[in-house]
C-alpha atoms as a PDB file:
ATOM      1  CA  MET A   1      -6.181  23.771  -5.029  1.00  0.00           C
ATOM      2  CA  ASN A   2      -7.860  22.136  -6.546  1.00  0.00           C
ATOM      3  CA  PRO A   3     -10.451  18.868  -5.526  1.00  0.00           C
ATOM      4  CA  ILE A   4     -10.039  16.108  -7.780  1.00  0.00           C
ATOM      5  CA  PHE A   5     -12.969  13.830  -6.506  1.00  0.00           C
ATOM      6  CA  LYS A   6     -15.889  15.206  -4.668  1.00  0.00           C
ATOM      7  CA  SER A   7     -18.106  12.640  -2.609  1.00  0.00           C
ATOM      8  CA  VAL A   8     -20.139  11.446   0.495  1.00  0.00           C
ATOM      9  CA  LEU A   9     -19.336   9.951   3.730  1.00  0.00           C
ATOM     10  CA  GLU A  10     -21.863   7.279   4.211  1.00  0.00           C
ATOM     11  CA  LYS A  11     -21.396   6.067   7.263  1.00  0.00           C
ATOM     12  CA  ASN A  12     -21.028   9.626   8.480  1.00  0.00           C
ATOM     13  CA  GLY A  13     -24.740  10.854   7.956  1.00  0.00           C
ATOM     14  CA  GLU A  14     -23.831  11.395   4.244  1.00  0.00           C
ATOM     15  CA  TRP A  15     -21.491  14.290   5.144  1.00  0.00           C
ATOM     16  CA  PRO A  16     -19.702  16.094   2.484  1.00  0.00           C
ATOM     17  CA  TYR A  17     -15.760  15.748   1.848  1.00  0.00           C
ATOM     18  CA  ILE A  18     -13.095  15.899  -0.979  1.00  0.00           C
ATOM     19  CA  VAL A  19     -10.128  14.672  -2.358  1.00  0.00           C
ATOM     20  CA  ARG A  20      -7.164  17.227  -3.478  1.00  0.00           C
ATOM     21  CA  ARG A  21      -3.150  17.014  -3.923  1.00  0.00           C
ATOM     22  CA  LEU A  22      -1.076  17.432  -1.074  1.00  0.00           C
ATOM     23  CA  SER A  23       2.372  20.211  -0.473  1.00  0.00           C
ATOM     24  CA  ILE A  24       4.648  20.408   2.036  1.00  0.00           C
ATOM     25  CA  GLU A  25       2.177  23.296   3.235  1.00  0.00           C
ATOM     26  CA  ASP A  26      -0.034  20.306   4.637  1.00  0.00           C
ATOM     27  CA  LEU A  27       2.718  18.793   6.830  1.00  0.00           C
ATOM     28  CA  GLN A  28       1.658  18.918  10.332  1.00  0.00           C
ATOM     29  CA  LEU A  29      -1.820  18.139   8.841  1.00  0.00           C
ATOM     30  CA  ILE A  30      -0.249  14.915   7.971  1.00  0.00           C
ATOM     31  CA  LEU A  31       1.606  14.353  10.976  1.00  0.00           C
ATOM     32  CA  SER A  32      -1.457  15.096  12.973  1.00  0.00           C
ATOM     33  CA  VAL A  33      -3.545  12.271  11.282  1.00  0.00           C
ATOM     34  CA  GLN A  34      -0.683   9.294  11.584  1.00  0.00           C
ATOM     35  CA  ASP A  35      -0.059  10.517  15.253  1.00  0.00           C
ATOM     36  CA  ARG A  36      -3.769   9.351  15.781  1.00  0.00           C
ATOM     37  CA  VAL A  37      -3.828   6.474  13.567  1.00  0.00           C
ATOM     38  CA  ALA A  38      -1.635   4.912  15.366  1.00  0.00           C
ATOM     39  CA  ALA A  39      -2.572   6.018  19.069  1.00  0.00           C
ATOM     40  CA  SER A  40      -5.554   2.936  17.469  1.00  0.00           C
ATOM     41  CA  MET A  41      -3.863   0.184  16.973  1.00  0.00           C
ATOM     42  CA  GLU A  42      -4.103  -2.534  19.159  1.00  0.00           C
ATOM     43  CA  LYS A  43      -0.327  -4.462  17.517  1.00  0.00           C
ATOM     44  CA  GLU A  44       2.413  -2.187  17.898  1.00  0.00           C
ATOM     45  CA  GLY A  45       4.242  -3.168  14.314  1.00  0.00           C
ATOM     46  CA  ILE A  46       1.155  -2.944  12.587  1.00  0.00           C
ATOM     47  CA  LEU A  47       1.796   0.441  10.903  1.00  0.00           C
ATOM     48  CA  GLN A  48       5.447   1.628   9.816  1.00  0.00           C
ATOM     49  CA  PRO A  49       5.017   5.642  10.802  1.00  0.00           C
ATOM     50  CA  LEU A  50       6.698   7.726   8.204  1.00  0.00           C
ATOM     51  CA  SER A  51       8.962  10.943   9.654  1.00  0.00           C
ATOM     52  CA  PRO A  52       8.918  14.410   8.890  1.00  0.00           C
ATOM     53  CA  LYS A  53      11.862  14.389   6.650  1.00  0.00           C
ATOM     54  CA  GLU A  54      10.580  11.139   4.416  1.00  0.00           C
ATOM     55  CA  TYR A  55       6.875  12.882   4.225  1.00  0.00           C
ATOM     56  CA  GLN A  56       8.834  16.365   3.227  1.00  0.00           C
ATOM     57  CA  TYR A  57      11.189  14.298   0.960  1.00  0.00           C
ATOM     58  CA  ILE A  58       7.905  13.181  -0.685  1.00  0.00           C
ATOM     59  CA  LEU A  59       6.264  15.999  -0.630  1.00  0.00           C
ATOM     60  CA  GLU A  60       8.950  18.137  -2.283  1.00  0.00           C
ATOM     61  CA  GLY A  61       8.853  15.996  -6.006  1.00  0.00           C
ATOM     62  CA  ASN A  62       9.900  12.824  -4.858  1.00  0.00           C
ATOM     63  CA  GLY A  63       6.524  11.300  -5.688  1.00  0.00           C
ATOM     64  CA  MET A  64       2.918  12.286  -4.446  1.00  0.00           C
ATOM     65  CA  MET A  65       0.561  12.353  -1.460  1.00  0.00           C
ATOM     66  CA  ILE A  66      -3.216  13.623  -1.825  1.00  0.00           C
ATOM     67  CA  GLY A  67      -5.935  13.703   1.142  1.00  0.00           C
ATOM     68  CA  ALA A  68      -9.226  13.187   1.315  1.00  0.00           C
ATOM     69  CA  PHE A  69     -10.725  16.432   3.625  1.00  0.00           C
ATOM     70  CA  VAL A  70     -14.020  17.294   5.822  1.00  0.00           C
ATOM     71  CA  GLU A  71     -14.129  20.976   5.183  1.00  0.00           C
ATOM     72  CA  GLU A  72     -10.784  21.585   6.818  1.00  0.00           C
ATOM     73  CA  GLU A  73     -10.292  18.200   8.448  1.00  0.00           C
ATOM     74  CA  LEU A  74      -8.015  15.931   7.475  1.00  0.00           C
ATOM     75  CA  ILE A  75      -9.056  12.693   7.903  1.00  0.00           C
ATOM     76  CA  ALA A  76      -7.346  10.673   5.100  1.00  0.00           C
ATOM     77  CA  PHE A  77      -4.132  10.609   3.255  1.00  0.00           C
ATOM     78  CA  ARG A  78      -2.280   8.040   0.413  1.00  0.00           C
ATOM     79  CA  ALA A  79       1.063   8.624  -0.798  1.00  0.00           C
ATOM     80  CA  LEU A  80       3.582   7.578  -3.537  1.00  0.00           C
ATOM     81  CA  LEU A  81       7.634   7.477  -3.164  1.00  0.00           C
ATOM     82  CA  ILE A  82       9.667   7.234  -5.776  1.00  0.00           C
ATOM     83  CA  PRO A  83      12.600   5.369  -3.316  1.00  0.00           C
ATOM     84  CA  SER A  84      16.587   6.143  -3.186  1.00  0.00           C
ATOM     85  CA  LEU A  85      18.147   3.656  -5.695  1.00  0.00           C
ATOM     86  CA  ASN A  86      20.862   3.435  -3.249  1.00  0.00           C
ATOM     87  CA  ASP A  87      18.503   1.817  -0.875  1.00  0.00           C
ATOM     88  CA  PRO A  88      19.820  -1.570   0.526  1.00  0.00           C
ATOM     89  CA  GLU A  89      16.750  -2.498   1.156  1.00  0.00           C
ATOM     90  CA  HIS A  90      15.038  -1.616  -2.133  1.00  0.00           C
ATOM     91  CA  LEU A  91      11.763  -3.386  -3.155  1.00  0.00           C
ATOM     92  CA  GLY A  92      13.145  -3.825  -6.562  1.00  0.00           C
ATOM     93  CA  LEU A  93      15.298  -6.298  -5.284  1.00  0.00           C
ATOM     94  CA  ASP A  94      12.870  -8.372  -3.023  1.00  0.00           C
ATOM     95  CA  ILE A  95      10.842  -8.862  -6.480  1.00  0.00           C
ATOM     96  CA  GLY A  96      14.101  -9.847  -8.625  1.00  0.00           C
ATOM     97  CA  LEU A  97      15.063  -6.726 -10.635  1.00  0.00           C
ATOM     98  CA  GLN A  98      18.751  -5.925 -11.029  1.00  0.00           C
ATOM     99  CA  ALA A  99      20.443  -2.959 -10.173  1.00  0.00           C
ATOM    100  CA  ALA A 100      19.896  -1.172 -13.697  1.00  0.00           C
ATOM    101  CA  GLU A 101      16.020  -1.559 -13.554  1.00  0.00           C
ATOM    102  CA  LEU A 102      15.329  -0.206 -10.023  1.00  0.00           C
ATOM    103  CA  SER A 103      14.179   3.095 -11.683  1.00  0.00           C
ATOM    104  CA  SER A 104      11.706   1.298 -12.984  1.00  0.00           C
ATOM    105  CA  VAL A 105       9.874   1.212  -9.292  1.00  0.00           C
ATOM    106  CA  ILE A 106       7.626   3.609  -7.784  1.00  0.00           C
ATOM    107  CA  TYR A 107       6.074   2.263  -3.860  1.00  0.00           C
ATOM    108  CA  GLN A 108       3.012   2.786  -2.965  1.00  0.00           C
ATOM    109  CA  GLU A 109       3.937   4.173   0.135  1.00  0.00           C
ATOM    110  CA  ILE A 110       1.798   5.065   3.846  1.00  0.00           C
ATOM    111  CA  SER A 111      -2.189   4.860   3.622  1.00  0.00           C
ATOM    112  CA  ASN A 112      -3.859   6.469   6.591  1.00  0.00           C
ATOM    113  CA  VAL A 113      -7.447   6.200   8.335  1.00  0.00           C
ATOM    114  CA  LEU A 114      -8.950   8.998  10.526  1.00  0.00           C
ATOM    115  CA  PRO A 115     -10.490   5.893  12.905  1.00  0.00           C
ATOM    116  CA  GLU A 116     -13.783   7.426  13.312  1.00  0.00           C
ATOM    117  CA  TYR A 117     -13.889   7.967   9.626  1.00  0.00           C
ATOM    118  CA  ARG A 118     -13.319   3.991   8.856  1.00  0.00           C
ATOM    119  CA  GLY A 119     -15.582   2.164   6.770  1.00  0.00           C
ATOM    120  CA  ASN A 120     -17.118   4.362   3.839  1.00  0.00           C
ATOM    121  CA  ARG A 121     -14.006   3.039   1.480  1.00  0.00           C
ATOM    122  CA  LEU A 122     -12.181   5.711   1.928  1.00  0.00           C
ATOM    123  CA  GLN A 123      -8.122   4.025   1.287  1.00  0.00           C
ATOM    124  CA  LYS A 124      -9.836   2.050  -1.431  1.00  0.00           C
ATOM    125  CA  THR A 125     -10.748   5.106  -3.004  1.00  0.00           C
ATOM    126  CA  LEU A 126      -7.127   7.021  -2.592  1.00  0.00           C
ATOM    127  CA  ALA A 127      -5.835   3.741  -3.605  1.00  0.00           C
ATOM    128  CA  LYS A 128      -7.881   4.288  -7.280  1.00  0.00           C
ATOM    129  CA  LEU A 129      -7.742   7.758  -7.168  1.00  0.00           C
ATOM    130  CA  ILE A 130      -4.221   8.211  -6.853  1.00  0.00           C
ATOM    131  CA  MET A 131      -3.127   5.980  -9.554  1.00  0.00           C
ATOM    132  CA  GLU A 132      -4.748   7.847 -11.703  1.00  0.00           C
ATOM    133  CA  GLU A 133      -3.705  11.192 -10.626  1.00  0.00           C
ATOM    134  CA  LEU A 134       0.014   8.905 -12.091  1.00  0.00           C
ATOM    135  CA  GLY A 135      -1.556   7.829 -14.886  1.00  0.00           C
ATOM    136  CA  LYS A 136      -1.991  11.439 -15.975  1.00  0.00           C
ATOM    137  CA  GLU A 137       1.255  12.071 -15.618  1.00  0.00           C
ATOM    138  CA  ALA A 138       4.761  11.001 -18.122  1.00  0.00           C
ATOM    139  CA  HIS A 139       5.872   8.574 -16.253  1.00  0.00           C
ATOM    140  CA  HIS A 140       9.004   5.776 -17.066  1.00  0.00           C
ATOM    141  CA  PHE A 141       7.572   3.564 -13.993  1.00  0.00           C
ATOM    142  CA  HIS A 142       6.849  -0.099 -14.719  1.00  0.00           C
ATOM    143  CA  PHE A 143       6.040  -1.887 -11.295  1.00  0.00           C
ATOM    144  CA  VAL A 144       4.592  -0.664  -8.162  1.00  0.00           C
ATOM    145  CA  CYS A 145       5.709  -1.907  -4.762  1.00  0.00           C
ATOM    146  CA  CYS A 146       4.910  -2.002  -1.133  1.00  0.00           C
ATOM    147  CA  THR A 147       4.854  -3.588   1.737  1.00  0.00           C
ATOM    148  CA  VAL A 148       2.335  -4.713   4.767  1.00  0.00           C
ATOM    149  CA  ALA A 149       2.973  -6.642   7.375  1.00  0.00           C
ATOM    150  CA  PRO A 150       0.960 -10.085   8.360  1.00  0.00           C
ATOM    151  CA  PHE A 151      -2.133 -10.334   9.413  1.00  0.00           C
ATOM    152  CA  ASN A 152      -2.842  -6.414   8.779  1.00  0.00           C
ATOM    153  CA  ILE A 153      -6.315  -7.490   7.469  1.00  0.00           C
ATOM    154  CA  PRO A 154      -7.477  -3.829   6.108  1.00  0.00           C
ATOM    155  CA  SER A 155      -4.160  -3.329   4.289  1.00  0.00           C
ATOM    156  CA  LEU A 156      -3.671  -6.713   3.220  1.00  0.00           C
ATOM    157  CA  LYS A 157      -7.268  -6.749   1.505  1.00  0.00           C
ATOM    158  CA  ASP A 158      -6.862  -3.128   0.116  1.00  0.00           C
ATOM    159  CA  LYS A 159      -3.408  -4.270  -1.801  1.00  0.00           C
ATOM    160  CA  PHE A 160      -5.191  -7.749  -3.323  1.00  0.00           C
ATOM    161  CA  SER A 161      -8.641  -5.744  -4.088  1.00  0.00           C
ATOM    162  CA  GLN A 162      -5.752  -3.339  -6.212  1.00  0.00           C
ATOM    163  CA  GLY A 163      -4.259  -6.635  -7.912  1.00  0.00           C
ATOM    164  CA  MET A 164      -1.503  -6.636  -6.141  1.00  0.00           C
ATOM    165  CA  GLN A 165       0.681  -9.870  -5.625  1.00  0.00           C
ATOM    166  CA  ILE A 166       2.942 -11.087  -2.784  1.00  0.00           C
ATOM    167  CA  ALA A 167       6.293 -11.791  -4.471  1.00  0.00           C
ATOM    168  CA  ALA A 168       8.168 -11.579  -1.241  1.00  0.00           C
ATOM    169  CA  LEU A 169       8.237 -12.381   2.267  1.00  0.00           C
ATOM    170  CA  LYS A 170      11.138 -11.475   4.513  1.00  0.00           C
ATOM    171  CA  GLN A 171      12.493  -8.858   7.186  1.00  0.00           C
ATOM    172  CA  LYS A 172      12.585  -5.365   6.618  1.00  0.00           C
ATOM    173  CA  TYR A 173      13.056  -2.042   8.539  1.00  0.00           C
ATOM    174  CA  GLY A 174      14.693  -3.661  11.263  1.00  0.00           C
ATOM    175  CA  GLY A 175      14.016  -7.107  11.920  1.00  0.00           C
ATOM    176  CA  GLN A 176       9.685  -6.080  11.004  1.00  0.00           C
ATOM    177  CA  LEU A 177       8.033  -9.275   9.150  1.00  0.00           C
ATOM    178  CA  ARG A 178       6.853  -7.707   6.059  1.00  0.00           C
ATOM    179  CA  TYR A 179       5.292  -9.063   2.349  1.00  0.00           C
ATOM    180  CA  THR A 180       6.662  -6.916  -0.854  1.00  0.00           C
ATOM    181  CA  PHE A 181       3.596  -6.635  -3.076  1.00  0.00           C
ATOM    182  CA  VAL A 182       3.762  -5.361  -6.581  1.00  0.00           C
ATOM    183  CA  LYS A 183       1.795  -4.996  -9.346  1.00  0.00           C
ATOM    184  CA  ASP A 184       2.973  -4.548 -12.833  1.00  0.00           C
ATOM    185  CA  LEU A 185       1.478  -1.579 -14.221  1.00  0.00           C
ATOM    186  CA  LYS A 186       2.168  -2.185 -18.151  1.00  0.00           C
ATOM    187  CA  GLU A 187      -0.076  -5.539 -17.471  1.00  0.00           C
ATOM    188  CA  PRO A 188      -2.978  -4.430 -15.244  1.00  0.00           C
ATOM    189  CA  VAL A 189      -4.997  -7.587 -15.583  1.00  0.00           C
ATOM    190  CA  PRO A 190      -3.166 -10.278 -13.781  1.00  0.00           C
ATOM    191  CA  GLN A 191      -1.886 -13.939 -15.941  1.00  0.00           C
ATOM    192  CA  ILE A 192      -4.395 -16.863 -14.548  1.00  0.00           C
ATOM    193  CA  CYS A 193      -2.770 -19.103 -12.158  1.00  0.00           C
ATOM    194  CA  LYS A 194      -3.003 -23.218 -13.436  1.00  0.00           C
ATOM    195  CA  GLU A 195      -1.744 -24.204  -9.606  1.00  0.00           C
ATOM    196  CA  THR A 196      -2.516 -23.172  -6.492  1.00  0.00           C
ATOM    197  CA  ILE A 197      -1.935 -23.866  -2.523  1.00  0.00           C
ATOM    198  CA  LEU A 198      -3.792 -22.674   0.583  1.00  0.00           C
ATOM    199  CA  ILE A 199      -1.102 -21.602   3.152  1.00  0.00           C
ATOM    200  CA  ASP A 200      -1.949 -20.352   7.212  1.00  0.00           C
ATOM    201  CA  MET A 201      -0.541 -16.754   7.228  1.00  0.00           C
ATOM    202  CA  GLY A 202       1.072 -17.853  10.616  1.00  0.00           C
ATOM    203  CA  ASP A 203       3.257 -20.242   8.245  1.00  0.00           C
ATOM    204  CA  THR A 204       6.381 -18.066   6.886  1.00  0.00           C
ATOM    205  CA  VAL A 205       8.619 -20.666   6.385  1.00  0.00           C
ATOM    206  CA  ARG A 206       5.999 -22.778   4.286  1.00  0.00           C
ATOM    207  CA  GLN A 207       5.209 -19.192   2.539  1.00  0.00           C
ATOM    208  CA  GLN A 208       9.014 -18.404   1.504  1.00  0.00           C
ATOM    209  CA  GLU A 209       9.269 -22.136   0.268  1.00  0.00           C
ATOM    210  CA  LEU A 210       6.870 -21.304  -2.277  1.00  0.00           C
ATOM    211  CA  LEU A 211       8.072 -17.577  -2.849  1.00  0.00           C
ATOM    212  CA  ALA A 212      11.154 -19.096  -4.147  1.00  0.00           C
ATOM    213  CA  GLU A 213       9.628 -21.234  -5.962  1.00  0.00           C
ATOM    214  CA  GLY A 214       8.214 -18.713  -7.681  1.00  0.00           C
ATOM    215  CA  PHE A 215       4.964 -18.775  -6.677  1.00  0.00           C
ATOM    216  CA  ARG A 216       3.523 -15.684  -5.880  1.00  0.00           C
ATOM    217  CA  GLY A 217       0.190 -14.761  -3.004  1.00  0.00           C
ATOM    218  CA  ILE A 218      -2.841 -13.522  -5.008  1.00  0.00           C
ATOM    219  CA  ARG A 219      -5.317 -13.532  -2.897  1.00  0.00           C
ATOM    220  CA  MET A 220      -6.460 -13.551   0.645  1.00  0.00           C
ATOM    221  CA  LEU A 221      -9.173 -15.747   2.364  1.00  0.00           C
ATOM    222  CA  ARG A 222     -10.607 -16.231   6.211  1.00  0.00           C
ATOM    223  CA  GLN A 223     -11.803 -19.769   6.558  1.00  0.00           C
ATOM    224  CA  SER A 224     -14.664 -21.065   8.616  1.00  0.00           C
ATOM    225  CA  ASN A 225     -12.450 -21.662  11.645  1.00  0.00           C
ATOM    226  CA  ASP A 226     -11.585 -17.814  11.760  1.00  0.00           C
ATOM    227  CA  ASP A 227      -8.113 -18.563  10.153  1.00  0.00           C
ATOM    228  CA  VAL A 228      -6.650 -17.044   7.693  1.00  0.00           C
ATOM    229  CA  VAL A 229      -4.712 -18.396   4.477  1.00  0.00           C
ATOM    230  CA  VAL A 230      -3.146 -17.147   1.667  1.00  0.00           C
ATOM    231  CA  GLU A 231      -3.661 -18.742  -1.765  1.00  0.00           C
ATOM    232  CA  TYR A 232      -0.707 -18.753  -3.979  1.00  0.00           C
ATOM    233  CA  GLY A 233      -0.355 -19.512  -7.838  1.00  0.00           C
ATOM    234  CA  ARG A 234       2.034 -20.262 -10.231  1.00  0.00           C
ATOM    235  CA  LEU A 235       2.174 -19.757 -13.808  1.00  0.00           C
ATOM    236  CA  PHE A 236       3.121 -22.374 -16.480  1.00  0.00           C
END
């Protein structure tokens, strides 16, 4: 399969790498990377791993995956998923869509980078590339959604850097607290909020109150005392 991108890893001795689409033949490589990333996590519950069947579902035409390779080694990957419309936890419901609108949603699914290759902006690069690949195809999607655990700082930075916004904060996946992020693909530049409030990331109740009032989480900040806060904004 032909590369869609070539560059070098600046923090790894200028090693060259390529990015290409992944196929079902890459499944074992994908699972190996996921296992190594999960083993490196300091806190359980930060990463919600996918099962082999879930990856197979994506790779067999229900989404898209791209991966970064150094020679033959897969070092990072990113996925888009077309979700089942029958999923009771469909993220479209979290952002206020009706059942008839759920087919307009695609998910930014799991993104993994091997620990030894972090610091090369691979997550950001793959995010840009996979959305460009989606844009090359005829599609009907209006919204891209995903979930992120509070205090998963690298993933939160990744989502905010793409212009995604927090639309919900609730328990998902059997009781795991998650932010639901959304981006309107037909309005890629978010409108400017006229009212903003800073809330400690650990204050779940207040964040949920603001979200119920129509606020969206628009960025994350680290305070001088090292506390992490989320800026919520509302349009008028």
